[in-house]
Amino acid sequence: MRFRLRYGRHEFDLPQGTTHIGRSLDCQVTLDDPQVSRHHAALTVDEGSVRLADLGSRNGVTVDGDRVVVPILLSHGVEIAIGSERLVFLVVGNVPPGPETEAALASAKRDPFQ
């Protein structure tokens, strides 16, 4: 299973570990937007799932319109809003069904206790 992020006309794979999003040039995903903090958010890929965390940004992060207040599990096709920028999270590849797959694809974004 692979995870990708779509931003505008670009798509790129998310590697294992943490991908930082922000205005700073040391972020793996750099967004040129005055509403984006230097270190705004982080995506963490491990064990077949991806979690999104707001890194204490001034303007926050939303997933499908809901504000992220604790790290959340992402599901295929959700829209991540950071400043005025929109990114789409994608799960790619043939994934055999099973508990880990279901957890990775489940819509847990609205349940902060998972």
PDB file of N, CA and C in Angstrom:
ATOM      1  N   MET A   1       0.856  -1.172   0.000  1.00  0.00           N
ATOM      2  CA  MET A   1       0.000   0.000   0.000  1.00  0.00           C
ATOM      3  C   MET A   1       0.898   1.229   0.000  1.00  0.00           C
ATOM      4  N   ARG A   2       0.550   2.180  -0.822  1.00  0.00           N
ATOM      5  CA  ARG A   2       1.286   3.443  -0.885  1.00  0.00           C
ATOM      6  C   ARG A   2       0.325   4.575  -0.549  1.00  0.00           C
ATOM      7  N   PHE A   3       0.901   5.646  -0.047  1.00  0.00           N
ATOM      8  CA  PHE A   3       0.125   6.838   0.281  1.00  0.00           C
ATOM      9  C   PHE A   3       0.677   7.996  -0.530  1.00  0.00           C
ATOM     10  N   ARG A   4      -0.228   8.809  -1.037  1.00  0.00           N
ATOM     11  CA  ARG A   4       0.182   9.952  -1.863  1.00  0.00           C
ATOM     12  C   ARG A   4      -0.552  11.194  -1.398  1.00  0.00           C
ATOM     13  N   LEU A   5       0.008  12.329  -1.786  1.00  0.00           N
ATOM     14  CA  LEU A   5      -0.599  13.622  -1.510  1.00  0.00           C
ATOM     15  C   LEU A   5      -0.722  14.347  -2.840  1.00  0.00           C
ATOM     16  N   ARG A   6      -1.925  14.828  -3.153  1.00  0.00           N
ATOM     17  CA  ARG A   6      -2.160  15.605  -4.376  1.00  0.00           C
ATOM     18  C   ARG A   6      -2.257  17.071  -3.987  1.00  0.00           C
ATOM     19  N   TYR A   7      -1.447  17.875  -4.661  1.00  0.00           N
ATOM     20  CA  TYR A   7      -1.440  19.317  -4.421  1.00  0.00           C
ATOM     21  C   TYR A   7      -1.436  20.000  -5.776  1.00  0.00           C
ATOM     22  N   GLY A   8      -2.551  20.634  -6.122  1.00  0.00           N
ATOM     23  CA  GLY A   8      -2.669  21.235  -7.452  1.00  0.00           C
ATOM     24  C   GLY A   8      -2.606  20.141  -8.503  1.00  0.00           C
ATOM     25  N   ARG A   9      -1.686  20.283  -9.441  1.00  0.00           N
ATOM     26  CA  ARG A   9      -1.527  19.285 -10.500  1.00  0.00           C
ATOM     27  C   ARG A   9      -0.446  18.254 -10.170  1.00  0.00           C
ATOM     28  N   HIS A  10       0.102  18.346  -8.976  1.00  0.00           N
ATOM     29  CA  HIS A  10       1.199  17.459  -8.592  1.00  0.00           C
ATOM     30  C   HIS A  10       0.729  16.397  -7.609  1.00  0.00           C
ATOM     31  N   GLU A  11       1.340  15.222  -7.715  1.00  0.00           N
ATOM     32  CA  GLU A  11       1.119  14.143  -6.747  1.00  0.00           C
ATOM     33  C   GLU A  11       2.479  13.616  -6.357  1.00  0.00           C
ATOM     34  N   PHE A  12       2.657  13.301  -5.084  1.00  0.00           N
ATOM     35  CA  PHE A  12       3.906  12.695  -4.677  1.00  0.00           C
ATOM     36  C   PHE A  12       3.669  11.684  -3.571  1.00  0.00           C
ATOM     37  N   ASP A  13       4.551  10.674  -3.545  1.00  0.00           N
ATOM     38  CA  ASP A  13       4.464   9.609  -2.548  1.00  0.00           C
ATOM     39  C   ASP A  13       4.877  10.134  -1.184  1.00  0.00           C
ATOM     40  N   LEU A  14       4.209   9.631  -0.159  1.00  0.00           N
ATOM     41  CA  LEU A  14       4.592   9.935   1.217  1.00  0.00           C
ATOM     42  C   LEU A  14       5.474   8.794   1.711  1.00  0.00           C
ATOM     43  N   PRO A  15       6.716   9.082   2.097  1.00  0.00           N
ATOM     44  CA  PRO A  15       7.607   8.032   2.583  1.00  0.00           C
ATOM     45  C   PRO A  15       7.280   7.638   4.018  1.00  0.00           C
ATOM     46  N   GLN A  16       7.807   6.499   4.461  1.00  0.00           N
ATOM     47  CA  GLN A  16       7.705   6.112   5.868  1.00  0.00           C
ATOM     48  C   GLN A  16       8.301   7.227   6.709  1.00  0.00           C
ATOM     49  N   GLY A  17       7.739   7.440   7.887  1.00  0.00           N
ATOM     50  CA  GLY A  17       8.238   8.486   8.774  1.00  0.00           C
ATOM     51  C   GLY A  17       7.379   9.731   8.690  1.00  0.00           C
ATOM     52  N   THR A  18       7.973  10.860   8.997  1.00  0.00           N
ATOM     53  CA  THR A  18       7.222  12.117   9.100  1.00  0.00           C
ATOM     54  C   THR A  18       7.547  13.055   7.950  1.00  0.00           C
ATOM     55  N   THR A  19       6.496  13.614   7.362  1.00  0.00           N
ATOM     56  CA  THR A  19       6.601  14.631   6.318  1.00  0.00           C
ATOM     57  C   THR A  19       6.047  15.929   6.898  1.00  0.00           C
ATOM     58  N   HIS A  20       6.869  16.972   6.917  1.00  0.00           N
ATOM     59  CA  HIS A  20       6.445  18.267   7.457  1.00  0.00           C
ATOM     60  C   HIS A  20       5.905  19.165   6.348  1.00  0.00           C
ATOM     61  N   ILE A  21       4.856  19.919   6.695  1.00  0.00           N
ATOM     62  CA  ILE A  21       4.209  20.838   5.758  1.00  0.00           C
ATOM     63  C   ILE A  21       4.269  22.229   6.376  1.00  0.00           C
ATOM     64  N   GLY A  22       4.685  23.218   5.584  1.00  0.00           N
ATOM     65  CA  GLY A  22       4.727  24.596   6.077  1.00  0.00           C
ATOM     66  C   GLY A  22       5.382  25.528   5.075  1.00  0.00           C
ATOM     67  N   ARG A  23       5.641  26.757   5.520  1.00  0.00           N
ATOM     68  CA  ARG A  23       6.282  27.762   4.661  1.00  0.00           C
ATOM     69  C   ARG A  23       7.801  27.628   4.637  1.00  0.00           C
ATOM     70  N   SER A  24       8.368  27.029   5.674  1.00  0.00           N
ATOM     71  CA  SER A  24       9.819  26.947   5.794  1.00  0.00           C
ATOM     72  C   SER A  24      10.414  26.054   4.708  1.00  0.00           C
ATOM     73  N   LEU A  25      11.586  26.426   4.238  1.00  0.00           N
ATOM     74  CA  LEU A  25      12.261  25.642   3.209  1.00  0.00           C
ATOM     75  C   LEU A  25      12.752  24.291   3.729  1.00  0.00           C
ATOM     76  N   ASP A  26      12.799  24.113   5.057  1.00  0.00           N
ATOM     77  CA  ASP A  26      13.215  22.804   5.569  1.00  0.00           C
ATOM     78  C   ASP A  26      12.046  21.819   5.680  1.00  0.00           C
ATOM     79  N   CYS A  27      10.840  22.231   5.282  1.00  0.00           N
ATOM     80  CA  CYS A  27       9.680  21.328   5.222  1.00  0.00           C
ATOM     81  C   CYS A  27       9.736  20.537   3.914  1.00  0.00           C
ATOM     82  N   GLN A  28       9.280  19.303   3.953  1.00  0.00           N
ATOM     83  CA  GLN A  28       9.249  18.485   2.730  1.00  0.00           C
ATOM     84  C   GLN A  28       8.174  18.979   1.762  1.00  0.00           C
ATOM     85  N   VAL A  29       7.075  19.531   2.294  1.00  0.00           N
ATOM     86  CA  VAL A  29       6.029  20.141   1.466  1.00  0.00           C
ATOM     87  C   VAL A  29       5.989  21.620   1.838  1.00  0.00           C
ATOM     88  N   THR A  30       6.430  22.462   0.909  1.00  0.00           N
ATOM     89  CA  THR A  30       6.503  23.899   1.163  1.00  0.00           C
ATOM     90  C   THR A  30       5.330  24.590   0.473  1.00  0.00           C
ATOM     91  N   LEU A  31       4.555  25.341   1.257  1.00  0.00           N
ATOM     92  CA  LEU A  31       3.402  26.075   0.730  1.00  0.00           C
ATOM     93  C   LEU A  31       3.679  27.568   0.840  1.00  0.00           C
ATOM     94  N   ASP A  32       3.613  28.255  -0.282  1.00  0.00           N
ATOM     95  CA  ASP A  32       3.869  29.700  -0.319  1.00  0.00           C
ATOM     96  C   ASP A  32       2.553  30.431  -0.110  1.00  0.00           C
ATOM     97  N   ASP A  33       2.167  30.585   1.155  1.00  0.00           N
ATOM     98  CA  ASP A  33       0.892  31.187   1.524  1.00  0.00           C
ATOM     99  C   ASP A  33       1.091  31.888   2.863  1.00  0.00           C
ATOM    100  N   PRO A  34       0.751  33.175   2.959  1.00  0.00           N
ATOM    101  CA  PRO A  34       0.968  33.901   4.217  1.00  0.00           C
ATOM    102  C   PRO A  34       0.137  33.366   5.385  1.00  0.00           C
ATOM    103  N   GLN A  35      -0.905  32.574   5.118  1.00  0.00           N
ATOM    104  CA  GLN A  35      -1.722  31.990   6.189  1.00  0.00           C
ATOM    105  C   GLN A  35      -1.134  30.683   6.717  1.00  0.00           C
ATOM    106  N   VAL A  36      -0.059  30.218   6.096  1.00  0.00           N
ATOM    107  CA  VAL A  36       0.585  28.967   6.497  1.00  0.00           C
ATOM    108  C   VAL A  36       1.763  29.299   7.414  1.00  0.00           C
ATOM    109  N   SER A  37       1.821  28.606   8.556  1.00  0.00           N
ATOM    110  CA  SER A  37       2.935  28.778   9.491  1.00  0.00           C
ATOM    111  C   SER A  37       4.198  28.154   8.913  1.00  0.00           C
ATOM    112  N   ARG A  38       5.350  28.558   9.456  1.00  0.00           N
ATOM    113  CA  ARG A  38       6.618  27.995   8.968  1.00  0.00           C
ATOM    114  C   ARG A  38       6.629  26.466   9.109  1.00  0.00           C
ATOM    115  N   HIS A  39       6.177  25.966  10.240  1.00  0.00           N
ATOM    116  CA  HIS A  39       6.040  24.525  10.472  1.00  0.00           C
ATOM    117  C   HIS A  39       4.584  24.300  10.894  1.00  0.00           C
ATOM    118  N   HIS A  40       3.734  24.045   9.933  1.00  0.00           N
ATOM    119  CA  HIS A  40       2.285  24.075  10.127  1.00  0.00           C
ATOM    120  C   HIS A  40       1.704  22.725  10.554  1.00  0.00           C
ATOM    121  N   ALA A  41       2.067  21.649   9.834  1.00  0.00           N
ATOM    122  CA  ALA A  41       1.455  20.341  10.072  1.00  0.00           C
ATOM    123  C   ALA A  41       2.448  19.234   9.754  1.00  0.00           C
ATOM    124  N   ALA A  42       2.120  18.021  10.215  1.00  0.00           N
ATOM    125  CA  ALA A  42       2.967  16.863   9.928  1.00  0.00           C
ATOM    126  C   ALA A  42       2.105  15.661   9.590  1.00  0.00           C
ATOM    127  N   LEU A  43       2.544  14.898   8.597  1.00  0.00           N
ATOM    128  CA  LEU A  43       1.930  13.629   8.223  1.00  0.00           C
ATOM    129  C   LEU A  43       2.901  12.531   8.636  1.00  0.00           C
ATOM    130  N   THR A  44       2.424  11.563   9.407  1.00  0.00           N
ATOM    131  CA  THR A  44       3.279  10.471   9.850  1.00  0.00           C
ATOM    132  C   THR A  44       2.772   9.164   9.262  1.00  0.00           C
ATOM    133  N   VAL A  45       3.642   8.514   8.479  1.00  0.00           N
ATOM    134  CA  VAL A  45       3.323   7.246   7.830  1.00  0.00           C
ATOM    135  C   VAL A  45       4.004   6.129   8.607  1.00  0.00           C
ATOM    136  N   ASP A  46       3.204   5.161   9.073  1.00  0.00           N
ATOM    137  CA  ASP A  46       3.788   3.972   9.682  1.00  0.00           C
ATOM    138  C   ASP A  46       2.749   2.866   9.774  1.00  0.00           C
ATOM    139  N   GLU A  47       3.213   1.648   9.614  1.00  0.00           N
ATOM    140  CA  GLU A  47       2.372   0.450   9.770  1.00  0.00           C
ATOM    141  C   GLU A  47       1.050   0.513   9.004  1.00  0.00           C
ATOM    142  N   GLY A  48       1.079   0.989   7.779  1.00  0.00           N
ATOM    143  CA  GLY A  48      -0.111   0.951   6.937  1.00  0.00           C
ATOM    144  C   GLY A  48      -1.143   2.024   7.196  1.00  0.00           C
ATOM    145  N   SER A  49      -0.762   3.093   7.886  1.00  0.00           N
ATOM    146  CA  SER A  49      -1.709   4.191   8.111  1.00  0.00           C
ATOM    147  C   SER A  49      -0.966   5.517   8.099  1.00  0.00           C
ATOM    148  N   VAL A  50      -1.733   6.587   7.992  1.00  0.00           N
ATOM    149  CA  VAL A  50      -1.163   7.936   7.999  1.00  0.00           C
ATOM    150  C   VAL A  50      -1.961   8.793   8.964  1.00  0.00           C
ATOM    151  N   ARG A  51      -1.245   9.493   9.830  1.00  0.00           N
ATOM    152  CA  ARG A  51      -1.862  10.421  10.780  1.00  0.00           C
ATOM    153  C   ARG A  51      -1.421  11.841  10.449  1.00  0.00           C
ATOM    154  N   LEU A  52      -2.354  12.770  10.626  1.00  0.00           N
ATOM    155  CA  LEU A  52      -2.104  14.189  10.403  1.00  0.00           C
ATOM    156  C   LEU A  52      -2.176  14.913  11.739  1.00  0.00           C
ATOM    157  N   ALA A  53      -1.194  15.773  12.006  1.00  0.00           N
ATOM    158  CA  ALA A  53      -1.182  16.564  13.233  1.00  0.00           C
ATOM    159  C   ALA A  53      -0.935  18.027  12.898  1.00  0.00           C
ATOM    160  N   ASP A  54      -1.655  18.902  13.575  1.00  0.00           N
ATOM    161  CA  ASP A  54      -1.395  20.336  13.516  1.00  0.00           C
ATOM    162  C   ASP A  54      -0.234  20.588  14.477  1.00  0.00           C
ATOM    163  N   LEU A  55       0.774  21.322  14.037  1.00  0.00           N
ATOM    164  CA  LEU A  55       1.955  21.575  14.855  1.00  0.00           C
ATOM    165  C   LEU A  55       1.845  22.891  15.628  1.00  0.00           C
ATOM    166  N   GLY A  56       0.638  23.229  16.063  1.00  0.00           N
ATOM    167  CA  GLY A  56       0.437  24.468  16.812  1.00  0.00           C
ATOM    168  C   GLY A  56       0.376  25.689  15.924  1.00  0.00           C
ATOM    169  N   SER A  57      -0.101  25.508  14.710  1.00  0.00           N
ATOM    170  CA  SER A  57      -0.172  26.611  13.750  1.00  0.00           C
ATOM    171  C   SER A  57      -1.166  27.679  14.200  1.00  0.00           C
ATOM    172  N   ARG A  58      -0.976  28.874  13.697  1.00  0.00           N
ATOM    173  CA  ARG A  58      -1.860  29.986  14.042  1.00  0.00           C
ATOM    174  C   ARG A  58      -3.245  29.835  13.426  1.00  0.00           C
ATOM    175  N   ASN A  59      -3.310  29.384  12.180  1.00  0.00           N
ATOM    176  CA  ASN A  59      -4.588  29.322  11.463  1.00  0.00           C
ATOM    177  C   ASN A  59      -5.206  27.932  11.385  1.00  0.00           C
ATOM    178  N   GLY A  60      -4.550  26.921  11.925  1.00  0.00           N
ATOM    179  CA  GLY A  60      -5.131  25.598  12.004  1.00  0.00           C
ATOM    180  C   GLY A  60      -5.103  24.803  10.717  1.00  0.00           C
ATOM    181  N   VAL A  61      -5.600  23.583  10.836  1.00  0.00           N
ATOM    182  CA  VAL A  61      -5.690  22.623   9.740  1.00  0.00           C
ATOM    183  C   VAL A  61      -7.095  22.047   9.783  1.00  0.00           C
ATOM    184  N   THR A  62      -7.717  21.862   8.619  1.00  0.00           N
ATOM    185  CA  THR A  62      -9.005  21.180   8.584  1.00  0.00           C
ATOM    186  C   THR A  62      -8.915  19.984   7.644  1.00  0.00           C
ATOM    187  N   VAL A  63      -9.724  18.964   7.938  1.00  0.00           N
ATOM    188  CA  VAL A  63      -9.862  17.788   7.083  1.00  0.00           C
ATOM    189  C   VAL A  63     -11.344  17.676   6.761  1.00  0.00           C
ATOM    190  N   ASP A  64     -11.665  17.806   5.486  1.00  0.00           N
ATOM    191  CA  ASP A  64     -13.056  17.818   5.023  1.00  0.00           C
ATOM    192  C   ASP A  64     -13.896  18.806   5.831  1.00  0.00           C
ATOM    193  N   GLY A  65     -13.307  19.949   6.153  1.00  0.00           N
ATOM    194  CA  GLY A  65     -14.026  21.018   6.832  1.00  0.00           C
ATOM    195  C   GLY A  65     -14.007  20.968   8.346  1.00  0.00           C
ATOM    196  N   ASP A  66     -13.505  19.880   8.940  1.00  0.00           N
ATOM    197  CA  ASP A  66     -13.452  19.750  10.399  1.00  0.00           C
ATOM    198  C   ASP A  66     -12.054  20.100  10.892  1.00  0.00           C
ATOM    199  N   ARG A  67     -11.983  20.960  11.895  1.00  0.00           N
ATOM    200  CA  ARG A  67     -10.690  21.381  12.445  1.00  0.00           C
ATOM    201  C   ARG A  67      -9.988  20.217  13.139  1.00  0.00           C
ATOM    202  N   VAL A  68      -8.700  20.092  12.898  1.00  0.00           N
ATOM    203  CA  VAL A  68      -7.876  19.057  13.517  1.00  0.00           C
ATOM    204  C   VAL A  68      -7.360  19.606  14.844  1.00  0.00           C
ATOM    205  N   VAL A  69      -7.748  18.952  15.945  1.00  0.00           N
ATOM    206  CA  VAL A  69      -7.290  19.395  17.267  1.00  0.00           C
ATOM    207  C   VAL A  69      -6.355  18.378  17.910  1.00  0.00           C
ATOM    208  N   VAL A  70      -6.442  17.134  17.499  1.00  0.00           N
ATOM    209  CA  VAL A  70      -5.526  16.068  17.926  1.00  0.00           C
ATOM    210  C   VAL A  70      -5.141  15.306  16.656  1.00  0.00           C
ATOM    211  N   PRO A  71      -4.019  14.587  16.661  1.00  0.00           N
ATOM    212  CA  PRO A  71      -3.656  13.818  15.468  1.00  0.00           C
ATOM    213  C   PRO A  71      -4.791  12.879  15.056  1.00  0.00           C
ATOM    214  N   ILE A  72      -5.041  12.821  13.740  1.00  0.00           N
ATOM    215  CA  ILE A  72      -6.134  11.997  13.234  1.00  0.00           C
ATOM    216  C   ILE A  72      -5.651  11.053  12.149  1.00  0.00           C
ATOM    217  N   LEU A  73      -6.320   9.929  12.033  1.00  0.00           N
ATOM    218  CA  LEU A  73      -6.061   8.953  10.984  1.00  0.00           C
ATOM    219  C   LEU A  73      -6.739   9.451   9.711  1.00  0.00           C
ATOM    220  N   LEU A  74      -6.000   9.440   8.608  1.00  0.00           N
ATOM    221  CA  LEU A  74      -6.563   9.902   7.338  1.00  0.00           C
ATOM    222  C   LEU A  74      -7.131   8.747   6.538  1.00  0.00           C
ATOM    223  N   SER A  75      -8.164   9.030   5.769  1.00  0.00           N
ATOM    224  CA  SER A  75      -8.751   8.037   4.871  1.00  0.00           C
ATOM    225  C   SER A  75      -8.674   8.552   3.438  1.00  0.00           C
ATOM    226  N   HIS A  76      -8.742   7.634   2.503  1.00  0.00           N
ATOM    227  CA  HIS A  76      -8.610   7.948   1.076  1.00  0.00           C
ATOM    228  C   HIS A  76      -9.578   9.054   0.640  1.00  0.00           C
ATOM    229  N   GLY A  77      -9.029  10.039  -0.054  1.00  0.00           N
ATOM    230  CA  GLY A  77      -9.849  11.069  -0.677  1.00  0.00           C
ATOM    231  C   GLY A  77     -10.177  12.276   0.174  1.00  0.00           C
ATOM    232  N   VAL A  78      -9.734  12.313   1.437  1.00  0.00           N
ATOM    233  CA  VAL A  78     -10.061  13.473   2.265  1.00  0.00           C
ATOM    234  C   VAL A  78      -9.295  14.697   1.786  1.00  0.00           C
ATOM    235  N   GLU A  79      -9.913  15.861   1.980  1.00  0.00           N
ATOM    236  CA  GLU A  79      -9.278  17.121   1.612  1.00  0.00           C
ATOM    237  C   GLU A  79      -8.698  17.787   2.858  1.00  0.00           C
ATOM    238  N   ILE A  80      -7.435  18.136   2.765  1.00  0.00           N
ATOM    239  CA  ILE A  80      -6.728  18.801   3.854  1.00  0.00           C
ATOM    240  C   ILE A  80      -6.581  20.265   3.473  1.00  0.00           C
ATOM    241  N   ALA A  81      -7.073  21.159   4.338  1.00  0.00           N
ATOM    242  CA  ALA A  81      -6.942  22.601   4.094  1.00  0.00           C
ATOM    243  C   ALA A  81      -5.923  23.176   5.063  1.00  0.00           C
ATOM    244  N   ILE A  82      -4.906  23.816   4.494  1.00  0.00           N
ATOM    245  CA  ILE A  82      -3.858  24.480   5.266  1.00  0.00           C
ATOM    246  C   ILE A  82      -3.733  25.873   4.675  1.00  0.00           C
ATOM    247  N   GLY A  83      -4.101  26.894   5.457  1.00  0.00           N
ATOM    248  CA  GLY A  83      -4.191  28.242   4.893  1.00  0.00           C
ATOM    249  C   GLY A  83      -5.236  28.230   3.793  1.00  0.00           C
ATOM    250  N   SER A  84      -4.904  28.820   2.649  1.00  0.00           N
ATOM    251  CA  SER A  84      -5.847  28.796   1.521  1.00  0.00           C
ATOM    252  C   SER A  84      -5.537  27.654   0.558  1.00  0.00           C
ATOM    253  N   GLU A  85      -4.594  26.789   0.940  1.00  0.00           N
ATOM    254  CA  GLU A  85      -4.177  25.678   0.082  1.00  0.00           C
ATOM    255  C   GLU A  85      -5.014  24.429   0.366  1.00  0.00           C
ATOM    256  N   ARG A  86      -5.261  23.646  -0.679  1.00  0.00           N
ATOM    257  CA  ARG A  86      -6.031  22.409  -0.561  1.00  0.00           C
ATOM    258  C   ARG A  86      -5.188  21.243  -1.069  1.00  0.00           C
ATOM    259  N   LEU A  87      -5.098  20.195  -0.256  1.00  0.00           N
ATOM    260  CA  LEU A  87      -4.361  18.985  -0.611  1.00  0.00           C
ATOM    261  C   LEU A  87      -5.307  17.807  -0.459  1.00  0.00           C
ATOM    262  N   VAL A  88      -5.113  16.763  -1.259  1.00  0.00           N
ATOM    263  CA  VAL A  88      -5.958  15.579  -1.176  1.00  0.00           C
ATOM    264  C   VAL A  88      -5.066  14.389  -0.827  1.00  0.00           C
ATOM    265  N   PHE A  89      -5.507  13.605   0.164  1.00  0.00           N
ATOM    266  CA  PHE A  89      -4.784  12.413   0.593  1.00  0.00           C
ATOM    267  C   PHE A  89      -5.308  11.204  -0.173  1.00  0.00           C
ATOM    268  N   LEU A  90      -4.388  10.376  -0.703  1.00  0.00           N
ATOM    269  CA  LEU A  90      -4.772   9.221  -1.507  1.00  0.00           C
ATOM    270  C   LEU A  90      -4.096   7.950  -1.007  1.00  0.00           C
ATOM    271  N   VAL A  91      -4.851   6.850  -1.002  1.00  0.00           N
ATOM    272  CA  VAL A  91      -4.306   5.521  -0.754  1.00  0.00           C
ATOM    273  C   VAL A  91      -4.259   4.847  -2.118  1.00  0.00           C
ATOM    274  N   VAL A  92      -3.078   4.335  -2.503  1.00  0.00           N
ATOM    275  CA  VAL A  92      -2.884   3.811  -3.849  1.00  0.00           C
ATOM    276  C   VAL A  92      -2.448   2.347  -3.791  1.00  0.00           C
ATOM    277  N   GLY A  93      -2.884   1.572  -4.760  1.00  0.00           N
ATOM    278  CA  GLY A  93      -2.424   0.195  -4.887  1.00  0.00           C
ATOM    279  C   GLY A  93      -3.480  -0.801  -4.472  1.00  0.00           C
ATOM    280  N   ASN A  94      -3.222  -2.040  -4.848  1.00  0.00           N
ATOM    281  CA  ASN A  94      -4.111  -3.131  -4.461  1.00  0.00           C
ATOM    282  C   ASN A  94      -3.824  -3.491  -3.016  1.00  0.00           C
ATOM    283  N   VAL A  95      -4.826  -3.365  -2.202  1.00  0.00           N
ATOM    284  CA  VAL A  95      -4.662  -3.609  -0.776  1.00  0.00           C
ATOM    285  C   VAL A  95      -5.536  -4.780  -0.383  1.00  0.00           C
ATOM    286  N   PRO A  96      -4.949  -5.873   0.119  1.00  0.00           N
ATOM    287  CA  PRO A  96      -5.787  -6.986   0.546  1.00  0.00           C
ATOM    288  C   PRO A  96      -6.626  -6.587   1.749  1.00  0.00           C
ATOM    289  N   PRO A  97      -7.887  -7.015   1.810  1.00  0.00           N
ATOM    290  CA  PRO A  97      -8.723  -6.647   2.939  1.00  0.00           C
ATOM    291  C   PRO A  97      -8.198  -7.250   4.235  1.00  0.00           C
ATOM    292  N   GLY A  98      -8.404  -6.548   5.310  1.00  0.00           N
ATOM    293  CA  GLY A  98      -7.964  -7.022   6.619  1.00  0.00           C
ATOM    294  C   GLY A  98      -8.110  -5.911   7.634  1.00  0.00           C
ATOM    295  N   PRO A  99      -7.862  -6.200   8.902  1.00  0.00           N
ATOM    296  CA  PRO A  99      -8.068  -5.193   9.947  1.00  0.00           C
ATOM    297  C   PRO A  99      -7.212  -3.949   9.767  1.00  0.00           C
ATOM    298  N   GLU A 100      -5.917  -4.114   9.365  1.00  0.00           N
ATOM    299  CA  GLU A 100      -5.069  -2.934   9.183  1.00  0.00           C
ATOM    300  C   GLU A 100      -5.559  -2.092   8.014  1.00  0.00           C
ATOM    301  N   THR A 101      -5.961  -2.757   6.928  1.00  0.00           N
ATOM    302  CA  THR A 101      -6.479  -2.046   5.768  1.00  0.00           C
ATOM    303  C   THR A 101      -7.739  -1.288   6.131  1.00  0.00           C
ATOM    304  N   GLU A 102      -8.635  -1.946   6.816  1.00  0.00           N
ATOM    305  CA  GLU A 102      -9.882  -1.292   7.199  1.00  0.00           C
ATOM    306  C   GLU A 102      -9.613  -0.088   8.084  1.00  0.00           C
ATOM    307  N   ALA A 103      -8.654  -0.208   9.007  1.00  0.00           N
ATOM    308  CA  ALA A 103      -8.326   0.912   9.890  1.00  0.00           C
ATOM    309  C   ALA A 103      -7.751   2.070   9.093  1.00  0.00           C
ATOM    310  N   ALA A 104      -6.889   1.771   8.120  1.00  0.00           N
ATOM    311  CA  ALA A 104      -6.266   2.825   7.326  1.00  0.00           C
ATOM    312  C   ALA A 104      -7.278   3.528   6.436  1.00  0.00           C
ATOM    313  N   LEU A 105      -8.286   2.780   5.986  1.00  0.00           N
ATOM    314  CA  LEU A 105      -9.258   3.363   5.073  1.00  0.00           C
ATOM    315  C   LEU A 105     -10.509   3.873   5.778  1.00  0.00           C
ATOM    316  N   ALA A 106     -10.657   3.570   7.060  1.00  0.00           N
ATOM    317  CA  ALA A 106     -11.853   3.980   7.802  1.00  0.00           C
ATOM    318  C   ALA A 106     -11.869   5.492   7.953  1.00  0.00           C
ATOM    319  N   SER A 107     -13.037   6.015   8.074  1.00  0.00           N
ATOM    320  CA  SER A 107     -13.164   7.457   8.256  1.00  0.00           C
ATOM    321  C   SER A 107     -13.119   7.793   9.731  1.00  0.00           C
ATOM    322  N   ALA A 108     -11.907   7.813  10.284  1.00  0.00           N
ATOM    323  CA  ALA A 108     -11.723   8.084  11.706  1.00  0.00           C
ATOM    324  C   ALA A 108     -11.438   9.550  11.964  1.00  0.00           C
ATOM    325  N   LYS A 109     -11.480  10.357  10.934  1.00  0.00           N
ATOM    326  CA  LYS A 109     -11.075  11.756  11.074  1.00  0.00           C
ATOM    327  C   LYS A 109     -11.944  12.550  12.032  1.00  0.00           C
ATOM    328  N   ARG A 110     -13.144  12.102  12.280  1.00  0.00           N
ATOM    329  CA  ARG A 110     -14.028  12.865  13.174  1.00  0.00           C
ATOM    330  C   ARG A 110     -14.046  12.314  14.598  1.00  0.00           C
ATOM    331  N   ASP A 111     -13.297  11.236  14.836  1.00  0.00           N
ATOM    332  CA  ASP A 111     -13.246  10.627  16.164  1.00  0.00           C
ATOM    333  C   ASP A 111     -11.890  10.883  16.799  1.00  0.00           C
ATOM    334  N   PRO A 112     -11.767  11.903  17.660  1.00  0.00           N
ATOM    335  CA  PRO A 112     -10.463  12.252  18.220  1.00  0.00           C
ATOM    336  C   PRO A 112      -9.944  11.232  19.213  1.00  0.00           C
ATOM    337  N   PHE A 113     -10.729  10.216  19.584  1.00  0.00           N
ATOM    338  CA  PHE A 113     -10.300   9.246  20.573  1.00  0.00           C
ATOM    339  C   PHE A 113      -9.679   8.007  19.960  1.00  0.00           C
ATOM    340  N   GLN A 114      -9.517   7.945  18.635  1.00  0.00           N
ATOM    341  CA  GLN A 114      -8.882   6.783  18.006  1.00  0.00           C
ATOM    342  C   GLN A 114      -7.426   7.040  17.802  1.00  0.00           C
TER     343      GLN A 114
END
